[in-house]
Amino acid sequence: MDDAMADLVMDLKYGPSEIRLDAARALGETGDQRAVGPLIDALKDDDWMVREAIKDALKKIRAE
């Protein structure tokens, strides 16, 4: 995993809601299969908007 991907995963795990939301969107835009595991792990996020962004990101990655 490169540094940019690792940074996004860390933001998804530990950032405030807005950062987690942006990280989920960015991970989806990468289309990188390595993001699937961290995104699935984050589906239990407390923020419904983050969860929706994660679902959208997973759909984008699967479509690639």
N, C-alpha and C. Protein backbone atom coordinates (compact mmCIF):
# COMPACT_ATOMS: atom_id res chain seq x y z
N MET A 1 0.85 -1.17 0.00
CA MET A 1 0.00 0.00 0.00
C MET A 1 0.90 1.24 0.00
N ASP A 2 0.66 2.14 -0.93
CA ASP A 2 1.50 3.35 -0.99
C ASP A 2 1.10 4.33 0.10
N ASP A 3 1.90 5.37 0.25
CA ASP A 3 1.69 6.34 1.33
C ASP A 3 0.35 7.05 1.23
N ALA A 4 -0.07 7.42 0.03
CA ALA A 4 -1.34 8.13 -0.14
C ALA A 4 -2.51 7.25 0.28
N MET A 5 -2.48 6.00 -0.14
CA MET A 5 -3.54 5.06 0.23
C MET A 5 -3.53 4.84 1.74
N ALA A 6 -2.37 4.66 2.31
CA ALA A 6 -2.27 4.45 3.76
C ALA A 6 -2.80 5.66 4.52
N ASP A 7 -2.50 6.86 4.03
CA ASP A 7 -3.01 8.07 4.67
C ASP A 7 -4.54 8.13 4.62
N LEU A 8 -5.12 7.76 3.49
CA LEU A 8 -6.58 7.76 3.36
C LEU A 8 -7.20 6.74 4.31
N VAL A 9 -6.59 5.58 4.42
CA VAL A 9 -7.11 4.55 5.33
C VAL A 9 -7.04 5.04 6.78
N MET A 10 -5.95 5.70 7.14
CA MET A 10 -5.83 6.25 8.50
C MET A 10 -6.89 7.32 8.74
N ASP A 11 -7.13 8.17 7.74
CA ASP A 11 -8.17 9.19 7.87
C ASP A 11 -9.54 8.54 8.02
N LEU A 12 -9.78 7.48 7.27
CA LEU A 12 -11.06 6.77 7.35
C LEU A 12 -11.27 6.17 8.74
N LYS A 13 -10.22 5.70 9.34
CA LYS A 13 -10.32 5.07 10.67
C LYS A 13 -10.39 6.08 11.81
N TYR A 14 -9.58 7.12 11.72
CA TYR A 14 -9.35 7.96 12.90
C TYR A 14 -9.73 9.43 12.77
N GLY A 15 -10.10 9.86 11.58
CA GLY A 15 -10.40 11.28 11.39
C GLY A 15 -11.77 11.66 11.92
N PRO A 16 -12.02 12.96 12.04
CA PRO A 16 -13.37 13.42 12.37
C PRO A 16 -14.31 13.10 11.20
N SER A 17 -15.59 13.21 11.41
CA SER A 17 -16.59 12.79 10.41
C SER A 17 -16.33 13.33 9.02
N GLU A 18 -16.05 14.63 8.89
CA GLU A 18 -15.83 15.22 7.57
C GLU A 18 -14.62 14.62 6.88
N ILE A 19 -13.58 14.33 7.63
CA ILE A 19 -12.37 13.73 7.07
C ILE A 19 -12.66 12.28 6.67
N ARG A 20 -13.39 11.55 7.50
CA ARG A 20 -13.75 10.16 7.15
C ARG A 20 -14.59 10.13 5.88
N LEU A 21 -15.51 11.07 5.76
CA LEU A 21 -16.36 11.17 4.58
C LEU A 21 -15.51 11.40 3.33
N ASP A 22 -14.61 12.37 3.40
CA ASP A 22 -13.72 12.66 2.26
C ASP A 22 -12.82 11.47 1.93
N ALA A 23 -12.33 10.79 2.97
CA ALA A 23 -11.46 9.64 2.75
C ALA A 23 -12.21 8.52 2.04
N ALA A 24 -13.44 8.26 2.46
CA ALA A 24 -14.24 7.21 1.82
C ALA A 24 -14.45 7.54 0.34
N ARG A 25 -14.79 8.78 0.07
CA ARG A 25 -14.99 9.20 -1.33
C ARG A 25 -13.70 9.05 -2.14
N ALA A 26 -12.61 9.48 -1.56
CA ALA A 26 -11.32 9.40 -2.26
C ALA A 26 -10.91 7.96 -2.52
N LEU A 27 -11.13 7.09 -1.56
CA LEU A 27 -10.80 5.67 -1.75
C LEU A 27 -11.64 5.07 -2.87
N GLY A 28 -12.89 5.46 -2.96
CA GLY A 28 -13.73 4.99 -4.06
C GLY A 28 -13.24 5.47 -5.40
N GLU A 29 -12.78 6.70 -5.45
CA GLU A 29 -12.27 7.27 -6.71
C GLU A 29 -11.00 6.56 -7.19
N THR A 30 -10.23 6.00 -6.27
CA THR A 30 -9.01 5.32 -6.69
C THR A 30 -9.31 4.07 -7.51
N GLY A 31 -10.45 3.43 -7.21
CA GLY A 31 -10.77 2.18 -7.88
C GLY A 31 -9.87 1.03 -7.46
N ASP A 32 -9.09 1.24 -6.44
CA ASP A 32 -8.09 0.27 -6.00
C ASP A 32 -8.72 -0.80 -5.11
N GLN A 33 -8.57 -2.05 -5.50
CA GLN A 33 -9.13 -3.18 -4.76
C GLN A 33 -8.59 -3.27 -3.33
N ARG A 34 -7.41 -2.71 -3.09
CA ARG A 34 -6.83 -2.77 -1.74
C ARG A 34 -7.63 -1.93 -0.75
N ALA A 35 -8.49 -1.06 -1.24
CA ALA A 35 -9.31 -0.22 -0.36
C ALA A 35 -10.55 -0.96 0.15
N VAL A 36 -10.89 -2.08 -0.47
CA VAL A 36 -12.13 -2.79 -0.11
C VAL A 36 -12.14 -3.22 1.35
N GLY A 37 -11.08 -3.84 1.83
CA GLY A 37 -11.04 -4.30 3.22
C GLY A 37 -11.24 -3.18 4.23
N PRO A 38 -10.45 -2.10 4.13
CA PRO A 38 -10.64 -0.99 5.06
C PRO A 38 -12.03 -0.36 4.96
N LEU A 39 -12.57 -0.28 3.74
CA LEU A 39 -13.92 0.28 3.59
C LEU A 39 -14.96 -0.61 4.26
N ILE A 40 -14.85 -1.91 4.06
CA ILE A 40 -15.80 -2.83 4.70
C ILE A 40 -15.69 -2.73 6.22
N ASP A 41 -14.46 -2.66 6.72
CA ASP A 41 -14.27 -2.52 8.17
C ASP A 41 -14.93 -1.25 8.70
N ALA A 42 -14.97 -0.21 7.89
CA ALA A 42 -15.50 1.08 8.33
C ALA A 42 -17.02 1.19 8.18
N LEU A 43 -17.67 0.15 7.66
CA LEU A 43 -19.12 0.20 7.50
C LEU A 43 -19.87 0.34 8.82
N LYS A 44 -19.20 0.12 9.92
CA LYS A 44 -19.84 0.27 11.23
C LYS A 44 -19.68 1.68 11.80
N ASP A 45 -19.27 2.61 10.97
CA ASP A 45 -19.08 4.00 11.39
C ASP A 45 -20.38 4.54 12.01
N ASP A 46 -20.25 5.40 13.01
CA ASP A 46 -21.41 5.98 13.68
C ASP A 46 -22.17 6.98 12.81
N ASP A 47 -21.48 7.58 11.86
CA ASP A 47 -22.08 8.63 11.02
C ASP A 47 -22.71 8.00 9.78
N TRP A 48 -24.02 8.20 9.61
CA TRP A 48 -24.71 7.58 8.48
C TRP A 48 -24.20 8.12 7.14
N MET A 49 -23.77 9.39 7.11
CA MET A 49 -23.26 9.94 5.86
C MET A 49 -21.95 9.26 5.45
N VAL A 50 -21.12 8.95 6.43
CA VAL A 50 -19.88 8.24 6.16
C VAL A 50 -20.20 6.84 5.65
N ARG A 51 -21.15 6.16 6.29
CA ARG A 51 -21.54 4.82 5.84
C ARG A 51 -22.04 4.84 4.40
N GLU A 52 -22.84 5.85 4.05
CA GLU A 52 -23.34 5.96 2.68
C GLU A 52 -22.19 6.21 1.70
N ALA A 53 -21.24 7.03 2.08
CA ALA A 53 -20.08 7.29 1.22
C ALA A 53 -19.26 6.01 1.03
N ILE A 54 -19.17 5.21 2.09
CA ILE A 54 -18.44 3.94 2.00
C ILE A 54 -19.15 3.00 1.03
N LYS A 55 -20.47 2.91 1.14
CA LYS A 55 -21.23 2.05 0.22
C LYS A 55 -21.03 2.50 -1.23
N ASP A 56 -21.08 3.81 -1.46
CA ASP A 56 -20.85 4.33 -2.81
C ASP A 56 -19.44 4.01 -3.29
N ALA A 57 -18.46 4.14 -2.41
CA ALA A 57 -17.07 3.84 -2.77
C ALA A 57 -16.92 2.38 -3.15
N LEU A 58 -17.54 1.49 -2.38
CA LEU A 58 -17.46 0.06 -2.69
C LEU A 58 -18.10 -0.24 -4.04
N LYS A 59 -19.21 0.40 -4.35
CA LYS A 59 -19.86 0.21 -5.65
C LYS A 59 -18.95 0.65 -6.79
N LYS A 60 -18.28 1.79 -6.60
CA LYS A 60 -17.36 2.29 -7.63
C LYS A 60 -16.20 1.32 -7.85
N ILE A 61 -15.67 0.81 -6.77
CA ILE A 61 -14.52 -0.11 -6.90
C ILE A 61 -14.96 -1.40 -7.57
N ARG A 62 -16.10 -1.92 -7.22
CA ARG A 62 -16.58 -3.16 -7.83
C ARG A 62 -16.90 -2.97 -9.31
N ALA A 63 -17.27 -1.77 -9.71
CA ALA A 63 -17.59 -1.48 -11.10
C ALA A 63 -16.34 -1.39 -11.97
N GLU A 64 -15.21 -1.18 -11.36
CA GLU A 64 -13.95 -1.04 -12.11
C GLU A 64 -13.54 -2.37 -12.72
